[in-house]
Amino acid sequence: MGDRDDAVWSTLQGNWNQLKGKVREKWGLLTNDDLEHIAGHKDRLVGKIQERYGKTKWEEANIERELREMNQPTTTKTTTKTTTTTR
């Protein structure tokens, strides 16, 4: 699982500029200066979230899960409804 986590963080670092807005929406107590300092680094981000919100509220695993979800490409679901008419 460690290799997978490393790949996730590498992707997050590569997309950091796009993700900063989502991170700020989720964790609004983080300042723009915080986000610039974090620059996609896992330890900095986890530490800053825990500092601002409290370690017990945001454990590292929960932060990682949230970030993975943020980094997923958004997909649009299309639902088709079929109606049958009988005479």
Foldseek 3Di string as FASTA:
>chain_A
DVVVLVVLLVLCLVCLVVCVVVVCVVQVVQDPVLSVVCSSPLVSVLVVSCVRPNCVVDPSVNVSVVSSVSSDDDDDDDDDDDDDDDD
